[in-house]
Amino acid sequence: MKILSVETVGGAPAATIKVDGTVYKDCRVGDVLSTTWGQIKILDLSVTSRVVTLLHEGEVLWLEAGQVVHEWP
């Protein structure tokens, strides 16, 4: 999983996230993504720091744009 961007889209924060080759655009706070890596819920987005806070399998993760948290070989 990689955070591709965190920016303002239509006046509100949104993130673009890539998981196992699939790109999820305009993800907003509260969105739940069903991915091959499992369910991911967007808890918070900071455009200023470009950080996405998400919940994955009971674990809270804070990821900056460009950061990779999980990648298959």
Protein backbone atom coordinates (compact mmCIF):
# COMPACT_ATOMS: atom_id res chain seq x y z
CA MET A 1 0.00 0.00 0.00
CA LYS A 2 1.25 3.45 -0.91
CA ILE A 3 -0.15 6.92 -0.31
CA LEU A 4 0.13 8.64 -3.69
CA SER A 5 -1.22 12.07 -2.70
CA VAL A 6 -3.11 14.09 -0.10
CA GLU A 7 -4.69 17.27 -1.42
CA THR A 8 -7.79 19.41 -1.45
CA VAL A 9 -10.34 18.22 -4.01
CA GLY A 10 -13.63 20.08 -4.35
CA GLY A 11 -12.88 22.08 -1.19
CA ALA A 12 -12.27 19.08 1.07
CA PRO A 13 -9.24 16.89 1.88
CA ALA A 14 -8.89 13.75 -0.23
CA ALA A 15 -6.24 11.07 -0.66
CA THR A 16 -5.21 8.84 -3.52
CA ILE A 17 -4.08 5.42 -2.32
CA LYS A 18 -2.60 2.49 -4.25
CA VAL A 19 -3.09 -1.05 -2.95
CA ASP A 20 -1.70 -4.04 -4.86
CA GLY A 21 -1.92 -2.24 -8.21
CA THR A 22 -5.40 -0.74 -7.69
CA VAL A 23 -5.65 3.05 -7.29
CA TYR A 24 -8.38 4.50 -5.08
CA LYS A 25 -8.92 8.20 -5.88
CA ASP A 26 -10.57 10.95 -3.83
CA CYS A 27 -10.74 8.95 -0.60
CA ARG A 28 -12.35 11.02 2.16
CA VAL A 29 -12.57 10.78 5.95
CA GLY A 30 -15.01 8.00 6.82
CA ASP A 31 -14.55 6.09 3.56
CA VAL A 32 -14.05 2.34 3.87
CA LEU A 33 -12.05 0.60 1.15
CA SER A 34 -12.33 -3.12 0.52
CA THR A 35 -8.92 -4.06 -0.85
CA THR A 36 -6.87 -7.18 -1.49
CA TRP A 37 -4.88 -6.18 1.62
CA GLY A 38 -8.07 -6.08 3.73
CA GLN A 39 -10.51 -3.41 4.78
CA ILE A 40 -9.10 0.11 5.24
CA LYS A 41 -11.03 2.97 6.87
CA ILE A 42 -9.88 6.58 6.43
CA LEU A 43 -9.88 8.20 9.88
CA ASP A 44 -8.24 11.56 9.13
CA LEU A 45 -6.51 13.49 6.35
CA SER A 46 -4.08 16.39 6.76
CA VAL A 47 -3.37 18.32 3.59
CA THR A 48 -0.81 20.50 5.41
CA SER A 49 1.37 17.59 6.57
CA ARG A 50 0.21 15.26 3.74
CA VAL A 51 -0.61 12.54 6.28
CA VAL A 52 -3.38 9.94 6.10
CA THR A 53 -4.58 8.30 9.31
CA LEU A 54 -6.23 4.97 8.61
CA LEU A 55 -7.46 1.86 10.36
CA HIS A 56 -6.42 -1.54 9.04
CA GLU A 57 -7.35 -4.75 10.91
CA GLY A 58 -7.64 -2.94 14.24
CA GLU A 59 -4.34 -1.09 13.84
CA VAL A 60 -4.13 2.69 13.36
CA LEU A 61 -1.51 3.76 10.81
CA TRP A 62 -0.21 7.26 10.03
CA LEU A 63 1.27 7.47 6.55
CA GLU A 64 2.78 10.38 4.65
CA ALA A 65 2.31 10.86 0.93
CA GLY A 66 4.90 8.72 -0.87
CA GLN A 67 5.26 6.29 2.01
CA VAL A 68 4.88 2.57 1.37
CA VAL A 69 3.61 0.44 4.26
CA HIS A 70 3.25 -2.95 2.59
CA GLU A 71 4.50 -4.28 -0.68
CA TRP A 72 4.62 -7.79 -2.11
CA PRO A 73 7.92 -8.85 -3.66
